[in-house]
PDB file of N, CA and C in Angstrom:
ATOM      1  N   MET A   1      45.375  57.122 105.935  1.00  0.00           N
ATOM      2  CA  MET A   1      46.341  56.048 106.066  1.00  0.00           C
ATOM      3  C   MET A   1      46.527  55.739 107.555  1.00  0.00           C
ATOM      4  N   LYS A   2      46.537  54.474 107.899  1.00  0.00           N
ATOM      5  CA  LYS A   2      46.715  54.067 109.297  1.00  0.00           C
ATOM      6  C   LYS A   2      48.195  53.977 109.638  1.00  0.00           C
ATOM      7  N   LEU A   3      48.489  54.199 110.903  1.00  0.00           N
ATOM      8  CA  LEU A   3      49.867  54.145 111.377  1.00  0.00           C
ATOM      9  C   LEU A   3      49.972  53.110 112.490  1.00  0.00           C
ATOM     10  N   TYR A   4      51.013  52.295 112.405  1.00  0.00           N
ATOM     11  CA  TYR A   4      51.273  51.262 113.397  1.00  0.00           C
ATOM     12  C   TYR A   4      52.701  51.394 113.908  1.00  0.00           C
ATOM     13  N   TYR A   5      52.906  50.973 115.147  1.00  0.00           N
ATOM     14  CA  TYR A   5      54.228  50.952 115.754  1.00  0.00           C
ATOM     15  C   TYR A   5      54.660  49.498 115.951  1.00  0.00           C
ATOM     16  N   THR A   6      55.918  49.206 115.658  1.00  0.00           N
ATOM     17  CA  THR A   6      56.443  47.896 116.002  1.00  0.00           C
ATOM     18  C   THR A   6      56.678  47.853 117.513  1.00  0.00           C
ATOM     19  N   ASP A   7      56.841  46.653 118.037  1.00  0.00           N
ATOM     20  CA  ASP A   7      57.154  46.523 119.466  1.00  0.00           C
ATOM     21  C   ASP A   7      58.453  47.235 119.807  1.00  0.00           C
ATOM     22  N   ASP A   8      59.435  47.173 118.904  1.00  0.00           N
ATOM     23  CA  ASP A   8      60.710  47.860 119.142  1.00  0.00           C
ATOM     24  C   ASP A   8      60.513  49.370 119.241  1.00  0.00           C
ATOM     25  N   ALA A   9      59.679  49.923 118.370  1.00  0.00           N
ATOM     26  CA  ALA A   9      59.427  51.368 118.402  1.00  0.00           C
ATOM     27  C   ALA A   9      58.732  51.765 119.697  1.00  0.00           C
ATOM     28  N   LEU A  10      57.765  50.965 120.132  1.00  0.00           N
ATOM     29  CA  LEU A  10      57.080  51.259 121.389  1.00  0.00           C
ATOM     30  C   LEU A  10      58.043  51.203 122.569  1.00  0.00           C
ATOM     31  N   GLU A  11      58.972  50.256 122.524  1.00  0.00           N
ATOM     32  CA  GLU A  11      59.981  50.174 123.590  1.00  0.00           C
ATOM     33  C   GLU A  11      60.891  51.399 123.563  1.00  0.00           C
ATOM     34  N   ASP A  12      61.282  51.836 122.359  1.00  0.00           N
ATOM     35  CA  ASP A  12      62.101  53.049 122.229  1.00  0.00           C
ATOM     36  C   ASP A  12      61.400  54.243 122.874  1.00  0.00           C
ATOM     37  N   ILE A  13      60.110  54.380 122.601  1.00  0.00           N
ATOM     38  CA  ILE A  13      59.339  55.508 123.121  1.00  0.00           C
ATOM     39  C   ILE A  13      59.262  55.446 124.645  1.00  0.00           C
ATOM     40  N   GLU A  14      58.991  54.272 125.155  1.00  0.00           N
ATOM     41  CA  GLU A  14      58.885  54.111 126.610  1.00  0.00           C
ATOM     42  C   GLU A  14      60.200  54.440 127.315  1.00  0.00           C
ATOM     43  N   LEU A  15      61.308  53.953 126.758  1.00  0.00           N
ATOM     44  CA  LEU A  15      62.616  54.236 127.356  1.00  0.00           C
ATOM     45  C   LEU A  15      62.930  55.725 127.338  1.00  0.00           C
ATOM     46  N   ALA A  16      62.649  56.375 126.207  1.00  0.00           N
ATOM     47  CA  ALA A  16      62.920  57.811 126.103  1.00  0.00           C
ATOM     48  C   ALA A  16      62.037  58.601 127.062  1.00  0.00           C
ATOM     49  N   PHE A  17      60.756  58.252 127.118  1.00  0.00           N
ATOM     50  CA  PHE A  17      59.839  58.935 128.035  1.00  0.00           C
ATOM     51  C   PHE A  17      60.338  58.818 129.471  1.00  0.00           C
ATOM     52  N   ASP A  18      60.655  57.599 129.876  1.00  0.00           N
ATOM     53  CA  ASP A  18      61.124  57.369 131.254  1.00  0.00           C
ATOM     54  C   ASP A  18      62.393  58.167 131.550  1.00  0.00           C
ATOM     55  N   TRP A  19      63.333  58.169 130.603  1.00  0.00           N
ATOM     56  CA  TRP A  19      64.595  58.883 130.814  1.00  0.00           C
ATOM     57  C   TRP A  19      64.344  60.385 130.979  1.00  0.00           C
ATOM     58  N   TYR A  20      63.517  60.964 130.100  1.00  0.00           N
ATOM     59  CA  TYR A  20      63.242  62.398 130.190  1.00  0.00           C
ATOM     60  C   TYR A  20      62.478  62.741 131.470  1.00  0.00           C
ATOM     61  N   GLU A  21      61.579  61.863 131.891  1.00  0.00           N
ATOM     62  CA  GLU A  21      60.854  62.104 133.145  1.00  0.00           C
ATOM     63  C   GLU A  21      61.798  62.090 134.338  1.00  0.00           C
ATOM     64  N   GLU A  22      62.811  61.234 134.293  1.00  0.00           N
ATOM     65  CA  GLU A  22      63.797  61.200 135.373  1.00  0.00           C
ATOM     66  C   GLU A  22      64.615  62.491 135.414  1.00  0.00           C
ATOM     67  N   GLN A  23      64.822  63.092 134.256  1.00  0.00           N
ATOM     68  CA  GLN A  23      65.603  64.326 134.201  1.00  0.00           C
ATOM     69  C   GLN A  23      64.810  65.494 134.767  1.00  0.00           C
ATOM     70  N   SER A  24      63.511  65.542 134.424  1.00  0.00           N
ATOM     71  CA  SER A  24      62.660  66.637 134.879  1.00  0.00           C
ATOM     72  C   SER A  24      61.200  66.228 134.719  1.00  0.00           C
ATOM     73  N   HIS A  25      60.470  66.304 135.816  1.00  0.00           N
ATOM     74  CA  HIS A  25      59.055  65.924 135.774  1.00  0.00           C
ATOM     75  C   HIS A  25      58.330  66.745 134.705  1.00  0.00           C
ATOM     76  N   GLY A  26      57.632  66.060 133.817  1.00  0.00           N
ATOM     77  CA  GLY A  26      56.895  66.721 132.742  1.00  0.00           C
ATOM     78  C   GLY A  26      57.636  66.737 131.424  1.00  0.00           C
ATOM     79  N   LEU A  27      58.961  66.558 131.454  1.00  0.00           N
ATOM     80  CA  LEU A  27      59.739  66.587 130.221  1.00  0.00           C
ATOM     81  C   LEU A  27      59.408  65.387 129.333  1.00  0.00           C
ATOM     82  N   GLY A  28      59.067  64.264 129.949  1.00  0.00           N
ATOM     83  CA  GLY A  28      58.661  63.092 129.172  1.00  0.00           C
ATOM     84  C   GLY A  28      57.428  63.388 128.340  1.00  0.00           C
ATOM     85  N   GLN A  29      56.483  64.124 128.926  1.00  0.00           N
ATOM     86  CA  GLN A  29      55.272  64.472 128.173  1.00  0.00           C
ATOM     87  C   GLN A  29      55.587  65.448 127.050  1.00  0.00           C
ATOM     88  N   VAL A  30      56.525  66.355 127.268  1.00  0.00           N
ATOM     89  CA  VAL A  30      56.950  67.258 126.193  1.00  0.00           C
ATOM     90  C   VAL A  30      57.533  66.440 125.044  1.00  0.00           C
ATOM     91  N   PHE A  31      58.332  65.419 125.380  1.00  0.00           N
ATOM     92  CA  PHE A  31      58.886  64.531 124.359  1.00  0.00           C
ATOM     93  C   PHE A  31      57.755  63.857 123.578  1.00  0.00           C
ATOM     94  N   ILE A  32      56.764  63.312 124.292  1.00  0.00           N
ATOM     95  CA  ILE A  32      55.637  62.640 123.638  1.00  0.00           C
ATOM     96  C   ILE A  32      54.879  63.613 122.739  1.00  0.00           C
ATOM     97  N   ASP A  33      54.674  64.829 123.192  1.00  0.00           N
ATOM     98  CA  ASP A  33      53.976  65.830 122.382  1.00  0.00           C
ATOM     99  C   ASP A  33      54.735  66.110 121.079  1.00  0.00           C
ATOM    100  N   CYS A  34      56.054  66.239 121.171  1.00  0.00           N
ATOM    101  CA  CYS A  34      56.869  66.484 119.978  1.00  0.00           C
ATOM    102  C   CYS A  34      56.862  65.258 119.059  1.00  0.00           C
ATOM    103  N   LEU A  35      56.907  64.084 119.646  1.00  0.00           N
ATOM    104  CA  LEU A  35      56.822  62.849 118.870  1.00  0.00           C
ATOM    105  C   LEU A  35      55.492  62.790 118.122  1.00  0.00           C
ATOM    106  N   GLU A  36      54.396  63.081 118.816  1.00  0.00           N
ATOM    107  CA  GLU A  36      53.076  63.050 118.188  1.00  0.00           C
ATOM    108  C   GLU A  36      52.962  64.067 117.062  1.00  0.00           C
ATOM    109  N   GLN A  37      53.585  65.217 117.233  1.00  0.00           N
ATOM    110  CA  GLN A  37      53.585  66.220 116.165  1.00  0.00           C
ATOM    111  C   GLN A  37      54.317  65.679 114.933  1.00  0.00           C
ATOM    112  N   GLY A  38      55.450  65.015 115.170  1.00  0.00           N
ATOM    113  CA  GLY A  38      56.194  64.412 114.068  1.00  0.00           C
ATOM    114  C   GLY A  38      55.407  63.316 113.376  1.00  0.00           C
ATOM    115  N   VAL A  39      54.738  62.494 114.161  1.00  0.00           N
ATOM    116  CA  VAL A  39      53.917  61.414 113.593  1.00  0.00           C
ATOM    117  C   VAL A  39      52.774  62.001 112.772  1.00  0.00           C
ATOM    118  N   GLN A  40      52.173  63.067 113.259  1.00  0.00           N
ATOM    119  CA  GLN A  40      51.093  63.705 112.504  1.00  0.00           C
ATOM    120  C   GLN A  40      51.608  64.234 111.164  1.00  0.00           C
ATOM    121  N   ASN A  41      52.820  64.797 111.149  1.00  0.00           N
ATOM    122  CA  ASN A  41      53.439  65.240 109.892  1.00  0.00           C
ATOM    123  C   ASN A  41      53.631  64.072 108.937  1.00  0.00           C
ATOM    124  N   ILE A  42      54.049  62.936 109.471  1.00  0.00           N
ATOM    125  CA  ILE A  42      54.245  61.739 108.652  1.00  0.00           C
ATOM    126  C   ILE A  42      52.915  61.284 108.056  1.00  0.00           C
ATOM    127  N   ILE A  43      51.865  61.246 108.864  1.00  0.00           N
ATOM    128  CA  ILE A  43      50.554  60.812 108.378  1.00  0.00           C
ATOM    129  C   ILE A  43      50.052  61.740 107.268  1.00  0.00           C
ATOM    130  N   GLU A  44      50.231  63.036 107.450  1.00  0.00           N
ATOM    131  CA  GLU A  44      49.747  64.010 106.469  1.00  0.00           C
ATOM    132  C   GLU A  44      50.569  64.009 105.181  1.00  0.00           C
ATOM    133  N   PHE A  45      51.884  63.820 105.306  1.00  0.00           N
ATOM    134  CA  PHE A  45      52.776  63.912 104.153  1.00  0.00           C
ATOM    135  C   PHE A  45      53.802  62.771 104.174  1.00  0.00           C
ATOM    136  N   PRO A  46      53.366  61.531 104.053  1.00  0.00           N
ATOM    137  CA  PRO A  46      54.285  60.396 104.254  1.00  0.00           C
ATOM    138  C   PRO A  46      55.466  60.334 103.282  1.00  0.00           C
ATOM    139  N   ASP A  47      55.275  60.811 102.064  1.00  0.00           N
ATOM    140  CA  ASP A  47      56.354  60.739 101.062  1.00  0.00           C
ATOM    141  C   ASP A  47      57.342  61.890 101.157  1.00  0.00           C
ATOM    142  N   THR A  48      57.061  62.863 102.011  1.00  0.00           N
ATOM    143  CA  THR A  48      57.893  64.062 102.109  1.00  0.00           C
ATOM    144  C   THR A  48      59.276  63.785 102.674  1.00  0.00           C
ATOM    145  N   PHE A  49      59.359  62.878 103.600  1.00  0.00           N
ATOM    146  CA  PHE A  49      60.608  62.669 104.326  1.00  0.00           C
ATOM    147  C   PHE A  49      61.478  61.662 103.601  1.00  0.00           C
ATOM    148  N   PRO A  50      62.785  61.905 103.566  1.00  0.00           N
ATOM    149  CA  PRO A  50      63.677  61.120 102.716  1.00  0.00           C
ATOM    150  C   PRO A  50      63.950  59.707 103.234  1.00  0.00           C
ATOM    151  N   ILE A  51      64.246  58.849 102.286  1.00  0.00           N
ATOM    152  CA  ILE A  51      64.760  57.521 102.631  1.00  0.00           C
ATOM    153  C   ILE A  51      66.235  57.729 102.939  1.00  0.00           C
ATOM    154  N   THR A  52      66.625  57.418 104.166  1.00  0.00           N
ATOM    155  CA  THR A  52      68.000  57.698 104.580  1.00  0.00           C
ATOM    156  C   THR A  52      68.784  56.452 104.948  1.00  0.00           C
ATOM    157  N   HIS A  53      68.084  55.368 105.181  1.00  0.00           N
ATOM    158  CA  HIS A  53      68.768  54.145 105.603  1.00  0.00           C
ATOM    159  C   HIS A  53      67.974  52.957 105.074  1.00  0.00           C
ATOM    160  N   ARG A  54      68.573  52.242 104.148  1.00  0.00           N
ATOM    161  CA  ARG A  54      67.904  51.115 103.504  1.00  0.00           C
ATOM    162  C   ARG A  54      66.528  51.539 103.015  1.00  0.00           C
ATOM    163  N   GLN A  55      65.478  50.904 103.471  1.00  0.00           N
ATOM    164  CA  GLN A  55      64.126  51.252 103.014  1.00  0.00           C
ATOM    165  C   GLN A  55      63.424  52.243 103.938  1.00  0.00           C
ATOM    166  N   TYR A  56      64.086  52.694 104.990  1.00  0.00           N
ATOM    167  CA  TYR A  56      63.450  53.517 106.012  1.00  0.00           C
ATOM    168  C   TYR A  56      63.485  55.003 105.674  1.00  0.00           C
ATOM    169  N   ARG A  57      62.353  55.626 105.859  1.00  0.00           N
ATOM    170  CA  ARG A  57      62.273  57.086 105.789  1.00  0.00           C
ATOM    171  C   ARG A  57      62.558  57.623 107.189  1.00  0.00           C
ATOM    172  N   ARG A  58      63.010  58.869 107.244  1.00  0.00           N
ATOM    173  CA  ARG A  58      63.415  59.452 108.524  1.00  0.00           C
ATOM    174  C   ARG A  58      62.767  60.815 108.721  1.00  0.00           C
ATOM    175  N   LYS A  59      62.133  60.979 109.874  1.00  0.00           N
ATOM    176  CA  LYS A  59      61.575  62.262 110.281  1.00  0.00           C
ATOM    177  C   LYS A  59      62.236  62.656 111.591  1.00  0.00           C
ATOM    178  N   LEU A  60      62.893  63.801 111.608  1.00  0.00           N
ATOM    179  CA  LEU A  60      63.503  64.296 112.836  1.00  0.00           C
ATOM    180  C   LEU A  60      62.417  64.834 113.759  1.00  0.00           C
ATOM    181  N   ILE A  61      62.592  64.628 115.062  1.00  0.00           N
ATOM    182  CA  ILE A  61      61.661  65.135 116.058  1.00  0.00           C
ATOM    183  C   ILE A  61      62.167  66.494 116.523  1.00  0.00           C
ATOM    184  N   LYS A  62      61.280  67.473 116.550  1.00  0.00           N
ATOM    185  CA  LYS A  62      61.663  68.813 116.993  1.00  0.00           C
ATOM    186  C   LYS A  62      62.012  68.816 118.475  1.00  0.00           C
ATOM    187  N   LYS A  63      63.005  69.598 118.842  1.00  0.00           N
ATOM    188  CA  LYS A  63      63.442  69.867 120.222  1.00  0.00           C
ATOM    189  C   LYS A  63      64.173  68.708 120.893  1.00  0.00           C
ATOM    190  N   PHE A  64      64.186  67.532 120.280  1.00  0.00           N
ATOM    191  CA  PHE A  64      64.822  66.367 120.891  1.00  0.00           C
ATOM    192  C   PHE A  64      65.708  65.684 119.854  1.00  0.00           C
ATOM    193  N   PRO A  65      66.813  65.074 120.301  1.00  0.00           N
ATOM    194  CA  PRO A  65      67.741  64.437 119.359  1.00  0.00           C
ATOM    195  C   PRO A  65      67.276  63.030 118.951  1.00  0.00           C
ATOM    196  N   PHE A  66      66.077  62.951 118.397  1.00  0.00           N
ATOM    197  CA  PHE A  66      65.495  61.669 118.009  1.00  0.00           C
ATOM    198  C   PHE A  66      64.991  61.729 116.581  1.00  0.00           C
ATOM    199  N   SER A  67      64.962  60.560 115.943  1.00  0.00           N
ATOM    200  CA  SER A  67      64.406  60.403 114.605  1.00  0.00           C
ATOM    201  C   SER A  67      63.354  59.305 114.635  1.00  0.00           C
ATOM    202  N   ILE A  68      62.338  59.480 113.815  1.00  0.00           N
ATOM    203  CA  ILE A  68      61.332  58.439 113.609  1.00  0.00           C
ATOM    204  C   ILE A  68      61.694  57.745 112.304  1.00  0.00           C
ATOM    205  N   PHE A  69      61.949  56.447 112.364  1.00  0.00           N
ATOM    206  CA  PHE A  69      62.219  55.654 111.167  1.00  0.00           C
ATOM    207  C   PHE A  69      60.965  54.865 110.831  1.00  0.00           C
ATOM    208  N   TYR A  70      60.502  55.017 109.590  1.00  0.00           N
ATOM    209  CA  TYR A  70      59.249  54.377 109.201  1.00  0.00           C
ATOM    210  C   TYR A  70      59.295  53.926 107.747  1.00  0.00           C
ATOM    211  N   THR A  71      58.348  53.054 107.408  1.00  0.00           N
ATOM    212  CA  THR A  71      58.156  52.626 106.028  1.00  0.00           C
ATOM    213  C   THR A  71      56.704  52.871 105.649  1.00  0.00           C
ATOM    214  N   ILE A  72      56.504  53.025 104.365  1.00  0.00           N
ATOM    215  CA  ILE A  72      55.156  53.173 103.827  1.00  0.00           C
ATOM    216  C   ILE A  72      54.811  51.850 103.148  1.00  0.00           C
ATOM    217  N   GLU A  73      53.770  51.232 103.645  1.00  0.00           N
ATOM    218  CA  GLU A  73      53.289  49.969 103.078  1.00  0.00           C
ATOM    219  C   GLU A  73      51.953  50.259 102.389  1.00  0.00           C
ATOM    220  N   ILE A  74      51.303  49.247 101.882  1.00  0.00           N
ATOM    221  CA  ILE A  74      50.009  49.443 101.238  1.00  0.00           C
ATOM    222  C   ILE A  74      49.004  49.901 102.287  1.00  0.00           C
ATOM    223  N   ASN A  75      48.531  51.134 102.147  1.00  0.00           N
ATOM    224  CA  ASN A  75      47.522  51.732 103.032  1.00  0.00           C
ATOM    225  C   ASN A  75      47.917  51.819 104.499  1.00  0.00           C
ATOM    226  N   GLU A  76      49.194  51.734 104.805  1.00  0.00           N
ATOM    227  CA  GLU A  76      49.610  51.889 106.201  1.00  0.00           C
ATOM    228  C   GLU A  76      51.044  52.387 106.292  1.00  0.00           C
ATOM    229  N   ILE A  77      51.321  53.008 107.425  1.00  0.00           N
ATOM    230  CA  ILE A  77      52.666  53.466 107.751  1.00  0.00           C
ATOM    231  C   ILE A  77      53.097  52.676 108.976  1.00  0.00           C
ATOM    232  N   ILE A  78      54.314  52.167 108.933  1.00  0.00           N
ATOM    233  CA  ILE A  78      54.829  51.407 110.072  1.00  0.00           C
ATOM    234  C   ILE A  78      56.043  52.125 110.631  1.00  0.00           C
ATOM    235  N   VAL A  79      55.951  52.495 111.916  1.00  0.00           N
ATOM    236  CA  VAL A  79      57.083  53.105 112.622  1.00  0.00           C
ATOM    237  C   VAL A  79      57.911  51.953 113.186  1.00  0.00           C
ATOM    238  N   HIS A  80      59.159  51.865 112.729  1.00  0.00           N
ATOM    239  CA  HIS A  80      60.043  50.775 113.132  1.00  0.00           C
ATOM    240  C   HIS A  80      60.929  51.143 114.311  1.00  0.00           C
ATOM    241  N   ALA A  81      61.227  52.430 114.457  1.00  0.00           N
ATOM    242  CA  ALA A  81      62.108  52.857 115.543  1.00  0.00           C
ATOM    243  C   ALA A  81      61.915  54.336 115.820  1.00  0.00           C
ATOM    244  N   VAL A  82      62.090  54.687 117.074  1.00  0.00           N
ATOM    245  CA  VAL A  82      62.216  56.082 117.492  1.00  0.00           C
ATOM    246  C   VAL A  82      63.624  56.141 118.061  1.00  0.00           C
ATOM    247  N   PHE A  83      64.531  56.593 117.214  1.00  0.00           N
ATOM    248  CA  PHE A  83      65.965  56.419 117.419  1.00  0.00           C
ATOM    249  C   PHE A  83      66.598  57.638 118.067  1.00  0.00           C
ATOM    250  N   ASP A  84      67.351  57.399 119.122  1.00  0.00           N
ATOM    251  CA  ASP A  84      68.133  58.447 119.770  1.00  0.00           C
ATOM    252  C   ASP A  84      69.353  58.708 118.894  1.00  0.00           C
ATOM    253  N   ASN A  85      69.423  59.877 118.293  1.00  0.00           N
ATOM    254  CA  ASN A  85      70.493  60.201 117.350  1.00  0.00           C
ATOM    255  C   ASN A  85      71.878  60.239 117.988  1.00  0.00           C
ATOM    256  N   ARG A  86      71.940  60.203 119.309  1.00  0.00           N
ATOM    257  CA  ARG A  86      73.231  60.200 119.990  1.00  0.00           C
ATOM    258  C   ARG A  86      73.826  58.798 120.055  1.00  0.00           C
ATOM    259  N   GLN A  87      73.051  57.786 119.663  1.00  0.00           N
ATOM    260  CA  GLN A  87      73.557  56.417 119.658  1.00  0.00           C
ATOM    261  C   GLN A  87      74.463  56.189 118.450  1.00  0.00           C
ATOM    262  N   HIS A  88      75.188  55.104 118.502  1.00  0.00           N
ATOM    263  CA  HIS A  88      76.042  54.735 117.378  1.00  0.00           C
ATOM    264  C   HIS A  88      75.158  54.398 116.177  1.00  0.00           C
ATOM    265  N   PRO A  89      75.491  54.905 115.007  1.00  0.00           N
ATOM    266  CA  PRO A  89      74.665  54.665 113.810  1.00  0.00           C
ATOM    267  C   PRO A  89      74.423  53.174 113.495  1.00  0.00           C
ATOM    268  N   LYS A  90      75.293  52.307 113.953  1.00  0.00           N
ATOM    269  CA  LYS A  90      75.086  50.871 113.693  1.00  0.00           C
ATOM    270  C   LYS A  90      73.835  50.348 114.386  1.00  0.00           C
ATOM    271  N   LYS A  91      73.276  51.112 115.317  1.00  0.00           N
ATOM    272  CA  LYS A  91      72.067  50.681 116.020  1.00  0.00           C
ATOM    273  C   LYS A  91      70.788  51.086 115.283  1.00  0.00           C
ATOM    274  N   ILE A  92      70.931  51.789 114.160  1.00  0.00           N
ATOM    275  CA  ILE A  92      69.763  52.130 113.351  1.00  0.00           C
ATOM    276  C   ILE A  92      69.099  50.824 112.933  1.00  0.00           C
ATOM    277  N   PRO A  93      67.768  50.777 112.882  1.00  0.00           N
ATOM    278  CA  PRO A  93      67.083  49.512 112.559  1.00  0.00           C
ATOM    279  C   PRO A  93      67.519  48.934 111.223  1.00  0.00           C
ATOM    280  N   LYS A  94      67.495  47.619 111.170  1.00  0.00           N
ATOM    281  CA  LYS A  94      67.940  46.918 109.950  1.00  0.00           C
ATOM    282  C   LYS A  94      66.794  46.359 109.188  1.00  0.00           C
TER     283      LYS A  94
END
């Protein structure tokens, strides 16, 4: 199954990477590594993670307060957001 990111999800990732890099050099890459591990889990077991908000499934990222929100479409997975769980829940993708 192929995986795609929306522009919003890519922006979320870039902002998080930049923020973590500002905190400590190399921490942004640790974030990306954990994100990639989560994405790999989604690709391998897409139905495993629960639908938690409207049609979106949610996979928590290890070591970081982020969630991957995605949908399963015909033969593809679409990542809609990489959400900072410290934000107000109203900012979860719609």
